[in-house]
Amino acid sequence: MSKAIGKKRSPRRFATRAQGARNVFLAGSFNGWDPTATPMESGEGGMWSITLALEPGRYEYKYVVDGEWRCEEACEGSHPGCPHCTPNEFGGKNCVLDVPG
């Protein structure tokens, strides 16, 4: 019996600051942009995080903080030079993560 050979998954940690938030989720191309599929854990100082095992590829994502979709804290608004974001179809930005193969 042979095993199917799949792509190797790599752990990737996602973290954002959301001081005072009741709940924070991670939504992106890895979970069908479902705003409640991937809950994050709260930590000290208003930090929220989660680690996901992802296959090689390019992923776009956002944080959903108490129902509000957010990009990285420093990339919201008119910040033009964020190297980890890309414009989205809604006039905002998505975070980008490239997982090498």
N, C-alpha and C. Protein backbone atom coordinates (compact mmCIF):
# COMPACT_ATOMS: atom_id res chain seq x y z
N MET A 1 0.85 -1.17 0.00
CA MET A 1 0.00 0.00 0.00
C MET A 1 0.90 1.24 0.00
N SER A 2 0.69 2.14 -0.93
CA SER A 2 1.51 3.34 -0.99
C SER A 2 0.75 4.53 -0.40
N LYS A 3 1.53 5.43 0.18
CA LYS A 3 0.94 6.64 0.74
C LYS A 3 0.90 7.72 -0.33
N ALA A 4 -0.16 8.49 -0.30
CA ALA A 4 -0.23 9.63 -1.20
C ALA A 4 0.77 10.67 -0.72
N ILE A 5 1.53 11.20 -1.63
CA ILE A 5 2.52 12.21 -1.26
C ILE A 5 1.89 13.58 -1.45
N GLY A 6 1.78 14.31 -0.35
CA GLY A 6 1.18 15.64 -0.39
C GLY A 6 2.24 16.70 -0.23
N LYS A 7 1.83 17.92 -0.38
CA LYS A 7 2.75 19.02 -0.17
C LYS A 7 3.02 19.18 1.31
N LYS A 8 4.24 19.49 1.64
CA LYS A 8 4.62 19.67 3.03
C LYS A 8 3.99 20.94 3.58
N ARG A 9 3.42 20.82 4.76
CA ARG A 9 2.81 21.97 5.42
C ARG A 9 3.82 22.60 6.38
N SER A 10 3.81 23.91 6.44
CA SER A 10 4.71 24.65 7.33
C SER A 10 3.88 25.45 8.33
N PRO A 11 4.27 25.42 9.60
CA PRO A 11 3.54 26.23 10.58
C PRO A 11 3.82 27.71 10.37
N ARG A 12 2.78 28.49 10.40
CA ARG A 12 2.90 29.95 10.26
C ARG A 12 2.08 30.59 11.37
N ARG A 13 2.71 31.51 12.07
CA ARG A 13 2.04 32.21 13.17
C ARG A 13 1.49 33.53 12.67
N PHE A 14 0.24 33.79 13.00
CA PHE A 14 -0.43 35.04 12.69
C PHE A 14 -0.69 35.75 14.01
N ALA A 15 -0.43 37.04 14.08
CA ALA A 15 -0.64 37.78 15.32
C ALA A 15 -1.03 39.21 15.00
N THR A 16 -1.91 39.76 15.81
CA THR A 16 -2.33 41.15 15.65
C THR A 16 -2.66 41.72 17.02
N ARG A 17 -2.54 43.02 17.15
CA ARG A 17 -2.91 43.69 18.39
C ARG A 17 -4.35 44.18 18.24
N ALA A 18 -5.18 43.82 19.21
CA ALA A 18 -6.58 44.26 19.22
C ALA A 18 -6.99 44.46 20.68
N GLN A 19 -6.44 45.52 21.26
CA GLN A 19 -6.68 45.84 22.67
C GLN A 19 -8.18 45.99 22.93
N GLY A 20 -8.69 45.28 23.92
CA GLY A 20 -10.10 45.40 24.30
C GLY A 20 -11.08 44.62 23.45
N ALA A 21 -10.58 43.88 22.46
CA ALA A 21 -11.49 43.12 21.58
C ALA A 21 -12.13 41.96 22.35
N ARG A 22 -13.36 41.63 21.99
CA ARG A 22 -14.04 40.48 22.58
C ARG A 22 -13.69 39.20 21.84
N ASN A 23 -13.56 39.30 20.51
CA ASN A 23 -13.15 38.13 19.72
C ASN A 23 -12.46 38.58 18.45
N VAL A 24 -11.50 37.75 18.02
CA VAL A 24 -10.74 38.03 16.80
C VAL A 24 -10.63 36.73 16.02
N PHE A 25 -10.89 36.82 14.73
CA PHE A 25 -10.81 35.68 13.83
C PHE A 25 -9.83 35.99 12.71
N LEU A 26 -9.33 34.94 12.08
CA LEU A 26 -8.46 35.07 10.91
C LEU A 26 -9.23 34.55 9.72
N ALA A 27 -9.38 35.37 8.69
CA ALA A 27 -10.10 34.96 7.48
C ALA A 27 -9.21 35.19 6.28
N GLY A 28 -9.21 34.23 5.35
CA GLY A 28 -8.37 34.40 4.18
C GLY A 28 -8.60 33.35 3.13
N SER A 29 -7.72 33.35 2.15
CA SER A 29 -7.86 32.40 1.04
C SER A 29 -7.67 30.97 1.49
N PHE A 30 -7.08 30.74 2.65
CA PHE A 30 -6.87 29.39 3.18
C PHE A 30 -8.12 28.81 3.85
N ASN A 31 -9.13 29.64 4.15
CA ASN A 31 -10.36 29.13 4.77
C ASN A 31 -11.63 29.66 4.10
N GLY A 32 -11.50 29.99 2.80
CA GLY A 32 -12.66 30.46 2.05
C GLY A 32 -13.17 31.81 2.49
N TRP A 33 -12.32 32.61 3.12
CA TRP A 33 -12.67 33.93 3.64
C TRP A 33 -13.83 33.88 4.64
N ASP A 34 -13.94 32.78 5.34
CA ASP A 34 -14.99 32.63 6.35
C ASP A 34 -14.61 33.45 7.58
N PRO A 35 -15.40 34.47 7.95
CA PRO A 35 -15.02 35.36 9.04
C PRO A 35 -15.15 34.76 10.44
N THR A 36 -15.62 33.52 10.55
CA THR A 36 -15.73 32.90 11.88
C THR A 36 -15.10 31.51 11.94
N ALA A 37 -14.43 31.09 10.88
CA ALA A 37 -13.88 29.72 10.81
C ALA A 37 -12.63 29.53 11.65
N THR A 38 -11.84 30.58 11.85
CA THR A 38 -10.54 30.42 12.50
C THR A 38 -10.39 31.42 13.65
N PRO A 39 -10.87 31.04 14.84
CA PRO A 39 -10.75 31.94 15.99
C PRO A 39 -9.30 32.03 16.48
N MET A 40 -8.93 33.23 16.90
CA MET A 40 -7.59 33.46 17.42
C MET A 40 -7.65 33.48 18.95
N GLU A 41 -6.51 33.24 19.59
CA GLU A 41 -6.43 33.22 21.05
C GLU A 41 -5.87 34.54 21.56
N SER A 42 -6.48 35.05 22.63
CA SER A 42 -6.01 36.31 23.20
C SER A 42 -4.81 36.05 24.11
N GLY A 43 -3.94 37.02 24.14
CA GLY A 43 -2.74 36.94 24.97
C GLY A 43 -2.52 38.25 25.70
N GLU A 44 -1.34 38.41 26.23
CA GLU A 44 -1.00 39.61 26.99
C GLU A 44 -0.91 40.85 26.10
N GLY A 45 -1.25 41.98 26.67
CA GLY A 45 -1.08 43.25 25.98
C GLY A 45 -1.99 43.44 24.78
N GLY A 46 -3.12 42.74 24.73
CA GLY A 46 -4.04 42.90 23.62
C GLY A 46 -3.62 42.16 22.36
N MET A 47 -2.64 41.27 22.48
CA MET A 47 -2.20 40.50 21.31
C MET A 47 -3.09 39.26 21.13
N TRP A 48 -3.41 38.96 19.90
CA TRP A 48 -4.18 37.78 19.53
C TRP A 48 -3.35 37.01 18.52
N SER A 49 -3.36 35.67 18.61
CA SER A 49 -2.53 34.89 17.70
C SER A 49 -3.11 33.51 17.44
N ILE A 50 -2.60 32.91 16.37
CA ILE A 50 -2.92 31.53 16.01
C ILE A 50 -1.81 31.04 15.10
N THR A 51 -1.54 29.75 15.16
CA THR A 51 -0.57 29.14 14.25
C THR A 51 -1.31 28.14 13.37
N LEU A 52 -1.10 28.26 12.06
CA LEU A 52 -1.72 27.36 11.08
C LEU A 52 -0.64 26.63 10.30
N ALA A 53 -0.90 25.40 9.94
CA ALA A 53 0.00 24.63 9.07
C ALA A 53 -0.48 24.82 7.64
N LEU A 54 0.31 25.50 6.83
CA LEU A 54 -0.09 25.83 5.46
C LEU A 54 0.82 25.17 4.44
N GLU A 55 0.22 24.75 3.34
CA GLU A 55 0.99 24.22 2.21
C GLU A 55 1.68 25.38 1.50
N PRO A 56 2.72 25.09 0.73
CA PRO A 56 3.37 26.15 -0.03
C PRO A 56 2.36 26.87 -0.93
N GLY A 57 2.52 28.17 -1.04
CA GLY A 57 1.64 28.97 -1.89
C GLY A 57 1.55 30.40 -1.40
N ARG A 58 0.75 31.17 -2.08
CA ARG A 58 0.52 32.58 -1.74
C ARG A 58 -0.87 32.69 -1.14
N TYR A 59 -0.95 33.32 0.01
CA TYR A 59 -2.21 33.46 0.73
C TYR A 59 -2.49 34.93 1.02
N GLU A 60 -3.75 35.32 0.90
CA GLU A 60 -4.20 36.64 1.33
C GLU A 60 -5.11 36.44 2.53
N TYR A 61 -5.07 37.40 3.45
CA TYR A 61 -5.87 37.26 4.66
C TYR A 61 -6.14 38.61 5.30
N LYS A 62 -7.09 38.61 6.24
CA LYS A 62 -7.40 39.77 7.08
C LYS A 62 -7.79 39.26 8.45
N TYR A 63 -7.75 40.16 9.41
CA TYR A 63 -8.23 39.87 10.75
C TYR A 63 -9.65 40.41 10.87
N VAL A 64 -10.51 39.68 11.59
CA VAL A 64 -11.87 40.13 11.83
C VAL A 64 -11.98 40.37 13.34
N VAL A 65 -11.98 41.65 13.71
CA VAL A 65 -11.95 42.05 15.12
C VAL A 65 -13.34 42.56 15.50
N ASP A 66 -14.02 41.82 16.35
CA ASP A 66 -15.39 42.17 16.76
C ASP A 66 -16.26 42.51 15.54
N GLY A 67 -16.11 41.72 14.49
CA GLY A 67 -16.92 41.88 13.27
C GLY A 67 -16.35 42.85 12.25
N GLU A 68 -15.29 43.57 12.58
CA GLU A 68 -14.68 44.54 11.65
C GLU A 68 -13.47 43.92 10.98
N TRP A 69 -13.44 43.96 9.63
CA TRP A 69 -12.33 43.41 8.86
C TRP A 69 -11.16 44.38 8.91
N ARG A 70 -9.96 43.85 9.24
CA ARG A 70 -8.77 44.70 9.36
C ARG A 70 -7.57 44.04 8.69
N CYS A 71 -6.70 44.89 8.19
CA CYS A 71 -5.41 44.43 7.68
C CYS A 71 -4.42 44.55 8.84
N GLU A 72 -3.13 44.48 8.57
CA GLU A 72 -2.14 44.71 9.61
C GLU A 72 -2.34 46.10 10.19
N GLU A 73 -2.09 46.25 11.46
CA GLU A 73 -2.33 47.51 12.16
C GLU A 73 -1.66 48.70 11.47
N ALA A 74 -0.42 48.55 11.03
CA ALA A 74 0.32 49.65 10.43
C ALA A 74 -0.02 49.88 8.95
N CYS A 75 -0.85 49.04 8.37
CA CYS A 75 -1.12 49.13 6.94
C CYS A 75 -2.51 49.67 6.60
N GLU A 76 -3.32 49.93 7.58
CA GLU A 76 -4.65 50.45 7.30
C GLU A 76 -4.57 51.89 6.83
N GLY A 77 -5.65 52.36 6.23
CA GLY A 77 -5.71 53.74 5.78
C GLY A 77 -4.89 53.95 4.52
N SER A 78 -4.21 55.08 4.47
CA SER A 78 -3.51 55.47 3.24
C SER A 78 -2.04 55.06 3.23
N HIS A 79 -1.64 54.20 4.13
CA HIS A 79 -0.23 53.77 4.17
C HIS A 79 0.13 53.12 2.84
N PRO A 80 1.00 53.76 2.03
CA PRO A 80 1.26 53.27 0.68
C PRO A 80 2.36 52.22 0.55
N GLY A 81 3.19 52.03 1.57
CA GLY A 81 4.37 51.22 1.35
C GLY A 81 4.44 49.91 2.11
N CYS A 82 3.34 49.35 2.51
CA CYS A 82 3.40 48.09 3.26
C CYS A 82 3.83 46.96 2.33
N PRO A 83 4.96 46.30 2.63
CA PRO A 83 5.44 45.25 1.74
C PRO A 83 4.67 43.94 1.88
N HIS A 84 3.79 43.85 2.88
CA HIS A 84 3.07 42.61 3.12
C HIS A 84 1.58 42.72 2.79
N CYS A 85 1.20 43.74 2.03
CA CYS A 85 -0.21 43.95 1.70
C CYS A 85 -0.39 44.14 0.20
N THR A 86 -1.61 43.87 -0.23
CA THR A 86 -1.97 44.07 -1.63
C THR A 86 -3.38 44.66 -1.68
N PRO A 87 -3.66 45.53 -2.65
CA PRO A 87 -5.02 46.07 -2.75
C PRO A 87 -6.03 44.96 -3.02
N ASN A 88 -7.25 45.13 -2.47
CA ASN A 88 -8.30 44.16 -2.74
C ASN A 88 -9.43 44.82 -3.54
N GLU A 89 -10.39 44.03 -3.94
CA GLU A 89 -11.47 44.50 -4.80
C GLU A 89 -12.46 45.42 -4.09
N PHE A 90 -12.32 45.59 -2.78
CA PHE A 90 -13.24 46.43 -2.01
C PHE A 90 -12.64 47.80 -1.70
N GLY A 91 -11.49 48.13 -2.29
CA GLY A 91 -10.85 49.42 -2.07
C GLY A 91 -9.96 49.45 -0.84
N GLY A 92 -9.80 48.32 -0.18
CA GLY A 92 -8.93 48.23 0.98
C GLY A 92 -7.70 47.41 0.66
N LYS A 93 -7.12 46.81 1.67
CA LYS A 93 -5.92 46.00 1.48
C LYS A 93 -6.09 44.66 2.17
N ASN A 94 -5.40 43.67 1.65
CA ASN A 94 -5.29 42.35 2.28
C ASN A 94 -3.83 42.12 2.62
N CYS A 95 -3.60 41.43 3.71
CA CYS A 95 -2.24 40.98 4.04
C CYS A 95 -1.89 39.85 3.10
N VAL A 96 -0.61 39.68 2.83
CA VAL A 96 -0.14 38.63 1.93
C VAL A 96 0.94 37.81 2.64
N LEU A 97 0.84 36.51 2.50
CA LEU A 97 1.84 35.61 3.04
C LEU A 97 2.26 34.62 1.95
N ASP A 98 3.55 34.56 1.67
CA ASP A 98 4.08 33.59 0.72
C ASP A 98 4.77 32.49 1.52
N VAL A 99 4.30 31.25 1.34
CA VAL A 99 4.90 30.10 1.99
C VAL A 99 5.72 29.37 0.94
N PRO A 100 7.05 29.36 1.09
CA PRO A 100 7.90 28.73 0.08
C PRO A 100 7.71 27.21 0.03
N GLY A 101 7.99 26.64 -1.13
CA GLY A 101 7.83 25.20 -1.34
C GLY A 101 9.03 24.39 -0.98
